[in-house]
mmCIF file of all heavy atoms, coordinates in Angstrom:
data_MODEL
# 
_entry.id   MODEL 
# 
loop_
_atom_site.group_PDB 
_atom_site.id 
_atom_site.type_symbol 
_atom_site.label_atom_id 
_atom_site.label_alt_id 
_atom_site.label_comp_id 
_atom_site.label_asym_id 
_atom_site.label_entity_id 
_atom_site.label_seq_id 
_atom_site.pdbx_PDB_ins_code 
_atom_site.Cartn_x 
_atom_site.Cartn_y 
_atom_site.Cartn_z 
_atom_site.occupancy 
_atom_site.B_iso_or_equiv 
_atom_site.pdbx_formal_charge 
_atom_site.auth_seq_id 
_atom_site.auth_comp_id 
_atom_site.auth_asym_id 
_atom_site.auth_atom_id 
_atom_site.pdbx_PDB_model_num 
ATOM 1   N N   . LEU A 1 1  ? 0.845   -1.180 0.000   1.00 0.00 ? 1  LEU A N   1 
ATOM 2   C CA  . LEU A 1 1  ? 0.000   0.000  0.000   1.00 0.00 ? 1  LEU A CA  1 
ATOM 3   C C   . LEU A 1 1  ? 0.886   1.237  0.000   1.00 0.00 ? 1  LEU A C   1 
ATOM 4   O O   . LEU A 1 1  ? 1.689   1.430  0.915   1.00 0.00 ? 1  LEU A O   1 
ATOM 5   C CB  . LEU A 1 1  ? -0.912  0.013  1.228   1.00 0.00 ? 1  LEU A CB  1 
ATOM 6   C CG  . LEU A 1 1  ? -1.765  1.270  1.402   1.00 0.00 ? 1  LEU A CG  1 
ATOM 7   C CD1 . LEU A 1 1  ? -2.763  1.405  0.257   1.00 0.00 ? 1  LEU A CD1 1 
ATOM 8   C CD2 . LEU A 1 1  ? -2.482  1.247  2.746   1.00 0.00 ? 1  LEU A CD2 1 
ATOM 9   N N   . ILE A 1 2  ? 0.752   2.047  -1.021  1.00 0.00 ? 2  ILE A N   1 
ATOM 10  C CA  . ILE A 1 2  ? 1.471   3.314  -1.095  1.00 0.00 ? 2  ILE A CA  1 
ATOM 11  C C   . ILE A 1 2  ? 0.711   4.357  -0.284  1.00 0.00 ? 2  ILE A C   1 
ATOM 12  O O   . ILE A 1 2  ? 1.299   5.150  0.441   1.00 0.00 ? 2  ILE A O   1 
ATOM 13  C CB  . ILE A 1 2  ? 1.614   3.791  -2.558  1.00 0.00 ? 2  ILE A CB  1 
ATOM 14  C CG1 . ILE A 1 2  ? 2.294   2.725  -3.425  1.00 0.00 ? 2  ILE A CG1 1 
ATOM 15  C CG2 . ILE A 1 2  ? 2.320   5.131  -2.638  1.00 0.00 ? 2  ILE A CG2 1 
ATOM 16  C CD1 . ILE A 1 2  ? 3.672   2.307  -2.988  1.00 0.00 ? 2  ILE A CD1 1 
ATOM 17  N N   . GLY A 1 3  ? -0.611  4.347  -0.405  1.00 0.00 ? 3  GLY A N   1 
ATOM 18  C CA  . GLY A 1 3  ? -1.447  5.272  0.344   1.00 0.00 ? 3  GLY A CA  1 
ATOM 19  C C   . GLY A 1 3  ? -2.865  5.282  -0.194  1.00 0.00 ? 3  GLY A C   1 
ATOM 20  O O   . GLY A 1 3  ? -3.168  4.662  -1.197  1.00 0.00 ? 3  GLY A O   1 
ATOM 21  N N   . ILE A 1 4  ? -3.728  6.010  0.485   1.00 0.00 ? 4  ILE A N   1 
ATOM 22  C CA  . ILE A 1 4  ? -5.110  6.205  0.078   1.00 0.00 ? 4  ILE A CA  1 
ATOM 23  C C   . ILE A 1 4  ? -5.208  7.601  -0.542  1.00 0.00 ? 4  ILE A C   1 
ATOM 24  O O   . ILE A 1 4  ? -4.776  8.580  0.075   1.00 0.00 ? 4  ILE A O   1 
ATOM 25  C CB  . ILE A 1 4  ? -6.083  6.099  1.279   1.00 0.00 ? 4  ILE A CB  1 
ATOM 26  C CG1 . ILE A 1 4  ? -5.924  4.764  1.997   1.00 0.00 ? 4  ILE A CG1 1 
ATOM 27  C CG2 . ILE A 1 4  ? -7.524  6.342  0.842   1.00 0.00 ? 4  ILE A CG2 1 
ATOM 28  C CD1 . ILE A 1 4  ? -6.314  3.543  1.199   1.00 0.00 ? 4  ILE A CD1 1 
ATOM 29  N N   . TYR A 1 5  ? -5.747  7.687  -1.744  1.00 0.00 ? 5  TYR A N   1 
ATOM 30  C CA  . TYR A 1 5  ? -5.904  8.969  -2.427  1.00 0.00 ? 5  TYR A CA  1 
ATOM 31  C C   . TYR A 1 5  ? -7.035  9.732  -1.761  1.00 0.00 ? 5  TYR A C   1 
ATOM 32  O O   . TYR A 1 5  ? -8.158  9.248  -1.685  1.00 0.00 ? 5  TYR A O   1 
ATOM 33  C CB  . TYR A 1 5  ? -6.203  8.752  -3.913  1.00 0.00 ? 5  TYR A CB  1 
ATOM 34  C CG  . TYR A 1 5  ? -6.013  9.991  -4.747  1.00 0.00 ? 5  TYR A CG  1 
ATOM 35  C CD1 . TYR A 1 5  ? -4.776  10.286 -5.297  1.00 0.00 ? 5  TYR A CD1 1 
ATOM 36  C CD2 . TYR A 1 5  ? -7.062  10.873 -4.973  1.00 0.00 ? 5  TYR A CD2 1 
ATOM 37  C CE1 . TYR A 1 5  ? -4.579  11.422 -6.058  1.00 0.00 ? 5  TYR A CE1 1 
ATOM 38  C CE2 . TYR A 1 5  ? -6.870  12.016 -5.729  1.00 0.00 ? 5  TYR A CE2 1 
ATOM 39  C CZ  . TYR A 1 5  ? -5.638  12.287 -6.273  1.00 0.00 ? 5  TYR A CZ  1 
ATOM 40  O OH  . TYR A 1 5  ? -5.444  13.412 -7.017  1.00 0.00 ? 5  TYR A OH  1 
ATOM 41  N N   . THR A 1 6  ? -6.740  10.918 -1.244  1.00 0.00 ? 6  THR A N   1 
ATOM 42  C CA  . THR A 1 6  ? -7.748  11.700 -0.536  1.00 0.00 ? 6  THR A CA  1 
ATOM 43  C C   . THR A 1 6  ? -7.893  13.081 -1.150  1.00 0.00 ? 6  THR A C   1 
ATOM 44  O O   . THR A 1 6  ? -7.038  13.529 -1.918  1.00 0.00 ? 6  THR A O   1 
ATOM 45  C CB  . THR A 1 6  ? -7.391  11.854 0.959   1.00 0.00 ? 6  THR A CB  1 
ATOM 46  O OG1 . THR A 1 6  ? -6.151  12.547 1.065   1.00 0.00 ? 6  THR A OG1 1 
ATOM 47  C CG2 . THR A 1 6  ? -7.306  10.514 1.655   1.00 0.00 ? 6  THR A CG2 1 
ATOM 48  N N   . GLY A 1 7  ? -8.970  13.749 -0.778  1.00 0.00 ? 7  GLY A N   1 
ATOM 49  C CA  . GLY A 1 7  ? -9.239  15.101 -1.234  1.00 0.00 ? 7  GLY A CA  1 
ATOM 50  C C   . GLY A 1 7  ? -10.723 15.378 -1.175  1.00 0.00 ? 7  GLY A C   1 
ATOM 51  O O   . GLY A 1 7  ? -11.513 14.558 -0.695  1.00 0.00 ? 7  GLY A O   1 
ATOM 52  N N   . ARG A 1 8  ? -11.098 16.525 -1.670  1.00 0.00 ? 8  ARG A N   1 
ATOM 53  C CA  . ARG A 1 8  ? -12.507 16.901 -1.691  1.00 0.00 ? 8  ARG A CA  1 
ATOM 54  C C   . ARG A 1 8  ? -13.245 16.023 -2.690  1.00 0.00 ? 8  ARG A C   1 
ATOM 55  O O   . ARG A 1 8  ? -12.768 15.791 -3.794  1.00 0.00 ? 8  ARG A O   1 
ATOM 56  C CB  . ARG A 1 8  ? -12.650 18.368 -2.088  1.00 0.00 ? 8  ARG A CB  1 
ATOM 57  C CG  . ARG A 1 8  ? -14.096 18.782 -2.136  1.00 0.00 ? 8  ARG A CG  1 
ATOM 58  C CD  . ARG A 1 8  ? -14.280 20.239 -2.393  1.00 0.00 ? 8  ARG A CD  1 
ATOM 59  N NE  . ARG A 1 8  ? -15.709 20.499 -2.545  1.00 0.00 ? 8  ARG A NE  1 
ATOM 60  C CZ  . ARG A 1 8  ? -16.208 21.631 -2.970  1.00 0.00 ? 8  ARG A CZ  1 
ATOM 61  N NH1 . ARG A 1 8  ? -15.398 22.631 -3.253  1.00 0.00 ? 8  ARG A NH1 1 
ATOM 62  N NH2 . ARG A 1 8  ? -17.505 21.788 -3.102  1.00 0.00 ? 8  ARG A NH2 1 
ATOM 63  N N   . ARG A 1 9  ? -14.399 15.537 -2.265  1.00 0.00 ? 9  ARG A N   1 
ATOM 64  C CA  . ARG A 1 9  ? -15.227 14.704 -3.139  1.00 0.00 ? 9  ARG A CA  1 
ATOM 65  C C   . ARG A 1 9  ? -16.334 15.530 -3.764  1.00 0.00 ? 9  ARG A C   1 
ATOM 66  O O   . ARG A 1 9  ? -16.967 16.336 -3.108  1.00 0.00 ? 9  ARG A O   1 
ATOM 67  C CB  . ARG A 1 9  ? -15.857 13.561 -2.363  1.00 0.00 ? 9  ARG A CB  1 
ATOM 68  C CG  . ARG A 1 9  ? -14.853 12.489 -2.051  1.00 0.00 ? 9  ARG A CG  1 
ATOM 69  C CD  . ARG A 1 9  ? -15.557 11.288 -1.451  1.00 0.00 ? 9  ARG A CD  1 
ATOM 70  N NE  . ARG A 1 9  ? -14.556 10.313 -1.121  1.00 0.00 ? 9  ARG A NE  1 
ATOM 71  C CZ  . ARG A 1 9  ? -14.387 9.164  -1.760  1.00 0.00 ? 9  ARG A CZ  1 
ATOM 72  N NH1 . ARG A 1 9  ? -15.180 8.824  -2.719  1.00 0.00 ? 9  ARG A NH1 1 
ATOM 73  N NH2 . ARG A 1 9  ? -13.422 8.345  -1.402  1.00 0.00 ? 9  ARG A NH2 1 
ATOM 74  N N   . TYR A 1 10 ? -16.547 15.277 -5.047  1.00 0.00 ? 10 TYR A N   1 
ATOM 75  C CA  . TYR A 1 10 ? -17.619 15.907 -5.798  1.00 0.00 ? 10 TYR A CA  1 
ATOM 76  C C   . TYR A 1 10 ? -18.533 14.815 -6.346  1.00 0.00 ? 10 TYR A C   1 
ATOM 77  O O   . TYR A 1 10 ? -18.042 13.799 -6.850  1.00 0.00 ? 10 TYR A O   1 
ATOM 78  C CB  . TYR A 1 10 ? -17.054 16.680 -7.002  1.00 0.00 ? 10 TYR A CB  1 
ATOM 79  C CG  . TYR A 1 10 ? -16.258 17.902 -6.652  1.00 0.00 ? 10 TYR A CG  1 
ATOM 80  C CD1 . TYR A 1 10 ? -14.901 17.818 -6.366  1.00 0.00 ? 10 TYR A CD1 1 
ATOM 81  C CD2 . TYR A 1 10 ? -16.863 19.154 -6.628  1.00 0.00 ? 10 TYR A CD2 1 
ATOM 82  C CE1 . TYR A 1 10 ? -14.161 18.949 -6.058  1.00 0.00 ? 10 TYR A CE1 1 
ATOM 83  C CE2 . TYR A 1 10 ? -16.127 20.294 -6.318  1.00 0.00 ? 10 TYR A CE2 1 
ATOM 84  C CZ  . TYR A 1 10 ? -14.780 20.177 -6.041  1.00 0.00 ? 10 TYR A CZ  1 
ATOM 85  O OH  . TYR A 1 10 ? -14.047 21.294 -5.732  1.00 0.00 ? 10 TYR A OH  1 
ATOM 86  N N   . SER A 1 11 ? -19.836 15.049 -6.273  1.00 0.00 ? 11 SER A N   1 
ATOM 87  C CA  . SER A 1 11 ? -20.774 14.147 -6.945  1.00 0.00 ? 11 SER A CA  1 
ATOM 88  C C   . SER A 1 11 ? -20.599 14.366 -8.451  1.00 0.00 ? 11 SER A C   1 
ATOM 89  O O   . SER A 1 11 ? -19.968 15.343 -8.891  1.00 0.00 ? 11 SER A O   1 
ATOM 90  C CB  . SER A 1 11 ? -22.217 14.467 -6.540  1.00 0.00 ? 11 SER A CB  1 
ATOM 91  O OG  . SER A 1 11 ? -22.603 15.717 -7.076  1.00 0.00 ? 11 SER A OG  1 
ATOM 92  N N   . ALA A 1 12 ? -21.170 13.484 -9.260  1.00 0.00 ? 12 ALA A N   1 
ATOM 93  C CA  . ALA A 1 12 ? -21.071 13.635 -10.711 1.00 0.00 ? 12 ALA A CA  1 
ATOM 94  C C   . ALA A 1 12 ? -21.636 14.989 -11.147 1.00 0.00 ? 12 ALA A C   1 
ATOM 95  O O   . ALA A 1 12 ? -21.033 15.691 -11.966 1.00 0.00 ? 12 ALA A O   1 
ATOM 96  C CB  . ALA A 1 12 ? -21.794 12.493 -11.409 1.00 0.00 ? 12 ALA A CB  1 
ATOM 97  N N   . ASP A 1 13 ? -22.781 15.375 -10.601 1.00 0.00 ? 13 ASP A N   1 
ATOM 98  C CA  . ASP A 1 13 ? -23.397 16.664 -10.959 1.00 0.00 ? 13 ASP A CA  1 
ATOM 99  C C   . ASP A 1 13 ? -22.510 17.833 -10.536 1.00 0.00 ? 13 ASP A C   1 
ATOM 100 O O   . ASP A 1 13 ? -22.332 18.793 -11.289 1.00 0.00 ? 13 ASP A O   1 
ATOM 101 C CB  . ASP A 1 13 ? -24.781 16.806 -10.322 1.00 0.00 ? 13 ASP A CB  1 
ATOM 102 C CG  . ASP A 1 13 ? -25.809 15.897 -10.967 1.00 0.00 ? 13 ASP A CG  1 
ATOM 103 O OD1 . ASP A 1 13 ? -25.584 15.446 -12.115 1.00 0.00 ? 13 ASP A OD1 1 
ATOM 104 O OD2 . ASP A 1 13 ? -26.841 15.618 -10.312 1.00 0.00 ? 13 ASP A OD2 1 
ATOM 105 N N   . GLU A 1 14 ? -21.953 17.770 -9.331  1.00 0.00 ? 14 GLU A N   1 
ATOM 106 C CA  . GLU A 1 14 ? -21.075 18.841 -8.861  1.00 0.00 ? 14 GLU A CA  1 
ATOM 107 C C   . GLU A 1 14 ? -19.825 18.948 -9.742  1.00 0.00 ? 14 GLU A C   1 
ATOM 108 O O   . GLU A 1 14 ? -19.408 20.051 -10.111 1.00 0.00 ? 14 GLU A O   1 
ATOM 109 C CB  . GLU A 1 14 ? -20.642 18.593 -7.420  1.00 0.00 ? 14 GLU A CB  1 
ATOM 110 C CG  . GLU A 1 14 ? -21.737 18.752 -6.404  1.00 0.00 ? 14 GLU A CG  1 
ATOM 111 C CD  . GLU A 1 14 ? -21.320 18.275 -5.019  1.00 0.00 ? 14 GLU A CD  1 
ATOM 112 O OE1 . GLU A 1 14 ? -20.496 17.335 -4.908  1.00 0.00 ? 14 GLU A OE1 1 
ATOM 113 O OE2 . GLU A 1 14 ? -21.827 18.855 -4.051  1.00 0.00 ? 14 GLU A OE2 1 
ATOM 114 N N   . ALA A 1 15 ? -19.237 17.815 -10.092 1.00 0.00 ? 15 ALA A N   1 
ATOM 115 C CA  . ALA A 1 15 ? -18.026 17.815 -10.917 1.00 0.00 ? 15 ALA A CA  1 
ATOM 116 C C   . ALA A 1 15 ? -18.302 18.397 -12.297 1.00 0.00 ? 15 ALA A C   1 
ATOM 117 O O   . ALA A 1 15 ? -17.491 19.175 -12.823 1.00 0.00 ? 15 ALA A O   1 
ATOM 118 C CB  . ALA A 1 15 ? -17.456 16.409 -11.029 1.00 0.00 ? 15 ALA A CB  1 
ATOM 119 N N   . HIS A 1 16 ? -19.447 18.035 -12.888 1.00 0.00 ? 16 HIS A N   1 
ATOM 120 C CA  . HIS A 1 16 ? -19.786 18.559 -14.218 1.00 0.00 ? 16 HIS A CA  1 
ATOM 121 C C   . HIS A 1 16 ? -20.080 20.058 -14.165 1.00 0.00 ? 16 HIS A C   1 
ATOM 122 O O   . HIS A 1 16 ? -19.884 20.754 -15.149 1.00 0.00 ? 16 HIS A O   1 
ATOM 123 C CB  . HIS A 1 16 ? -20.961 17.801 -14.829 1.00 0.00 ? 16 HIS A CB  1 
ATOM 124 C CG  . HIS A 1 16 ? -20.608 16.407 -15.231 1.00 0.00 ? 16 HIS A CG  1 
ATOM 125 N ND1 . HIS A 1 16 ? -19.647 16.128 -16.174 1.00 0.00 ? 16 HIS A ND1 1 
ATOM 126 C CD2 . HIS A 1 16 ? -21.072 15.216 -14.806 1.00 0.00 ? 16 HIS A CD2 1 
ATOM 127 C CE1 . HIS A 1 16 ? -19.538 14.818 -16.312 1.00 0.00 ? 16 HIS A CE1 1 
ATOM 128 N NE2 . HIS A 1 16 ? -20.385 14.239 -15.481 1.00 0.00 ? 16 HIS A NE2 1 
ATOM 129 N N   . GLY A 1 17 ? -20.514 20.557 -13.016 1.00 0.00 ? 17 GLY A N   1 
ATOM 130 C CA  . GLY A 1 17 ? -20.829 21.968 -12.865 1.00 0.00 ? 17 GLY A CA  1 
ATOM 131 C C   . GLY A 1 17 ? -19.628 22.841 -12.551 1.00 0.00 ? 17 GLY A C   1 
ATOM 132 O O   . GLY A 1 17 ? -19.727 24.069 -12.591 1.00 0.00 ? 17 GLY A O   1 
ATOM 133 N N   . GLU A 1 18 ? -18.499 22.236 -12.227 1.00 0.00 ? 18 GLU A N   1 
ATOM 134 C CA  . GLU A 1 18 ? -17.293 23.002 -11.873 1.00 0.00 ? 18 GLU A CA  1 
ATOM 135 C C   . GLU A 1 18 ? -16.577 23.501 -13.123 1.00 0.00 ? 18 GLU A C   1 
ATOM 136 O O   . GLU A 1 18 ? -16.563 22.841 -14.154 1.00 0.00 ? 18 GLU A O   1 
ATOM 137 C CB  . GLU A 1 18 ? -16.317 22.134 -11.079 1.00 0.00 ? 18 GLU A CB  1 
ATOM 138 C CG  . GLU A 1 18 ? -16.693 21.925 -9.642  1.00 0.00 ? 18 GLU A CG  1 
ATOM 139 C CD  . GLU A 1 18 ? -16.586 23.186 -8.806  1.00 0.00 ? 18 GLU A CD  1 
ATOM 140 O OE1 . GLU A 1 18 ? -15.592 23.928 -8.927  1.00 0.00 ? 18 GLU A OE1 1 
ATOM 141 O OE2 . GLU A 1 18 ? -17.517 23.411 -8.019  1.00 0.00 ? 18 GLU A OE2 1 
ATOM 142 N N   . ASP A 1 19 ? -15.947 24.650 -13.016 1.00 0.00 ? 19 ASP A N   1 
ATOM 143 C CA  . ASP A 1 19 ? -15.082 25.173 -14.063 1.00 0.00 ? 19 ASP A CA  1 
ATOM 144 C C   . ASP A 1 19 ? -13.647 24.835 -13.654 1.00 0.00 ? 19 ASP A C   1 
ATOM 145 O O   . ASP A 1 19 ? -13.067 25.488 -12.791 1.00 0.00 ? 19 ASP A O   1 
ATOM 146 C CB  . ASP A 1 19 ? -15.264 26.681 -14.198 1.00 0.00 ? 19 ASP A CB  1 
ATOM 147 C CG  . ASP A 1 19 ? -14.363 27.278 -15.272 1.00 0.00 ? 19 ASP A CG  1 
ATOM 148 O OD1 . ASP A 1 19 ? -13.748 26.513 -16.050 1.00 0.00 ? 19 ASP A OD1 1 
ATOM 149 O OD2 . ASP A 1 19 ? -14.277 28.523 -15.324 1.00 0.00 ? 19 ASP A OD2 1 
ATOM 150 N N   . TRP A 1 20 ? -13.106 23.773 -14.240 1.00 0.00 ? 20 TRP A N   1 
ATOM 151 C CA  . TRP A 1 20 ? -11.786 23.279 -13.853 1.00 0.00 ? 20 TRP A CA  1 
ATOM 152 C C   . TRP A 1 20 ? -10.657 24.019 -14.559 1.00 0.00 ? 20 TRP A C   1 
ATOM 153 O O   . TRP A 1 20 ? -9.493  23.844 -14.201 1.00 0.00 ? 20 TRP A O   1 
ATOM 154 C CB  . TRP A 1 20 ? -11.671 21.781 -14.151 1.00 0.00 ? 20 TRP A CB  1 
ATOM 155 C CG  . TRP A 1 20 ? -12.679 20.951 -13.427 1.00 0.00 ? 20 TRP A CG  1 
ATOM 156 C CD1 . TRP A 1 20 ? -13.738 20.297 -13.989 1.00 0.00 ? 20 TRP A CD1 1 
ATOM 157 C CD2 . TRP A 1 20 ? -12.753 20.685 -12.027 1.00 0.00 ? 20 TRP A CD2 1 
ATOM 158 N NE1 . TRP A 1 20 ? -14.453 19.644 -13.012 1.00 0.00 ? 20 TRP A NE1 1 
ATOM 159 C CE2 . TRP A 1 20 ? -13.875 19.863 -11.807 1.00 0.00 ? 20 TRP A CE2 1 
ATOM 160 C CE3 . TRP A 1 20 ? -11.985 21.073 -10.940 1.00 0.00 ? 20 TRP A CE3 1 
ATOM 161 C CZ2 . TRP A 1 20 ? -14.231 19.411 -10.536 1.00 0.00 ? 20 TRP A CZ2 1 
ATOM 162 C CZ3 . TRP A 1 20 ? -12.339 20.630 -9.672  1.00 0.00 ? 20 TRP A CZ3 1 
ATOM 163 C CH2 . TRP A 1 20 ? -13.455 19.810 -9.491  1.00 0.00 ? 20 TRP A CH2 1 
ATOM 164 N N   . ASP A 1 21 ? -10.990 24.824 -15.561 1.00 0.00 ? 21 ASP A N   1 
ATOM 165 C CA  . ASP A 1 21 ? -9.949  25.547 -16.298 1.00 0.00 ? 21 ASP A CA  1 
ATOM 166 C C   . ASP A 1 21 ? -9.239  26.541 -15.379 1.00 0.00 ? 21 ASP A C   1 
ATOM 167 O O   . ASP A 1 21 ? -9.840  27.135 -14.495 1.00 0.00 ? 21 ASP A O   1 
ATOM 168 C CB  . ASP A 1 21 ? -10.555 26.294 -17.487 1.00 0.00 ? 21 ASP A CB  1 
ATOM 169 C CG  . ASP A 1 21 ? -11.089 25.347 -18.550 1.00 0.00 ? 21 ASP A CG  1 
ATOM 170 O OD1 . ASP A 1 21 ? -10.628 24.196 -18.600 1.00 0.00 ? 21 ASP A OD1 1 
ATOM 171 O OD2 . ASP A 1 21 ? -11.977 25.761 -19.318 1.00 0.00 ? 21 ASP A OD2 1 
ATOM 172 N N   . ASN A 1 22 ? -7.960  26.710 -15.626 1.00 0.00 ? 22 ASN A N   1 
ATOM 173 C CA  . ASN A 1 22 ? -7.128  27.680 -14.903 1.00 0.00 ? 22 ASN A CA  1 
ATOM 174 C C   . ASN A 1 22 ? -7.069  27.428 -13.402 1.00 0.00 ? 22 ASN A C   1 
ATOM 175 O O   . ASN A 1 22 ? -6.894  28.357 -12.622 1.00 0.00 ? 22 ASN A O   1 
ATOM 176 C CB  . ASN A 1 22 ? -7.615  29.111 -15.188 1.00 0.00 ? 22 ASN A CB  1 
ATOM 177 C CG  . ASN A 1 22 ? -7.583  29.420 -16.660 1.00 0.00 ? 22 ASN A CG  1 
ATOM 178 O OD1 . ASN A 1 22 ? -6.620  29.096 -17.344 1.00 0.00 ? 22 ASN A OD1 1 
ATOM 179 N ND2 . ASN A 1 22 ? -8.650  30.013 -17.167 1.00 0.00 ? 22 ASN A ND2 1 
ATOM 180 N N   . ARG A 1 23 ? -7.244  26.166 -12.989 1.00 0.00 ? 23 ARG A N   1 
ATOM 181 C CA  . ARG A 1 23 ? -7.116  25.780 -11.584 1.00 0.00 ? 23 ARG A CA  1 
ATOM 182 C C   . ARG A 1 23 ? -6.154  24.611 -11.509 1.00 0.00 ? 23 ARG A C   1 
ATOM 183 O O   . ARG A 1 23 ? -6.146  23.744 -12.380 1.00 0.00 ? 23 ARG A O   1 
ATOM 184 C CB  . ARG A 1 23 ? -8.459  25.300 -11.017 1.00 0.00 ? 23 ARG A CB  1 
ATOM 185 C CG  . ARG A 1 23 ? -9.443  26.392 -10.803 1.00 0.00 ? 23 ARG A CG  1 
ATOM 186 C CD  . ARG A 1 23 ? -10.813 25.902 -10.442 1.00 0.00 ? 23 ARG A CD  1 
ATOM 187 N NE  . ARG A 1 23 ? -10.884 24.944 -9.340  1.00 0.00 ? 23 ARG A NE  1 
ATOM 188 C CZ  . ARG A 1 23 ? -12.027 24.418 -8.936  1.00 0.00 ? 23 ARG A CZ  1 
ATOM 189 N NH1 . ARG A 1 23 ? -13.165 24.734 -9.511  1.00 0.00 ? 23 ARG A NH1 1 
ATOM 190 N NH2 . ARG A 1 23 ? -12.038 23.558 -7.943  1.00 0.00 ? 23 ARG A NH2 1 
ATOM 191 N N   . LEU A 1 24 ? -5.384  24.556 -10.456 1.00 0.00 ? 24 LEU A N   1 
ATOM 192 C CA  . LEU A 1 24 ? -4.545  23.388 -10.212 1.00 0.00 ? 24 LEU A CA  1 
ATOM 193 C C   . LEU A 1 24 ? -5.445  22.294 -9.663  1.00 0.00 ? 24 LEU A C   1 
ATOM 194 O O   . LEU A 1 24 ? -6.101  22.473 -8.635  1.00 0.00 ? 24 LEU A O   1 
ATOM 195 C CB  . LEU A 1 24 ? -3.438  23.723 -9.207  1.00 0.00 ? 24 LEU A CB  1 
ATOM 196 C CG  . LEU A 1 24 ? -2.516  22.558 -8.838  1.00 0.00 ? 24 LEU A CG  1 
ATOM 197 C CD1 . LEU A 1 24 ? -1.774  22.058 -10.066 1.00 0.00 ? 24 LEU A CD1 1 
ATOM 198 C CD2 . LEU A 1 24 ? -1.550  22.981 -7.762  1.00 0.00 ? 24 LEU A CD2 1 
# 
């Protein structure tokens, strides 16, 4: 096990509604 990938979770609808451009 290298690790568990963590971070903020988005539902499918939330992810599709986000503007991911110009963001890390």
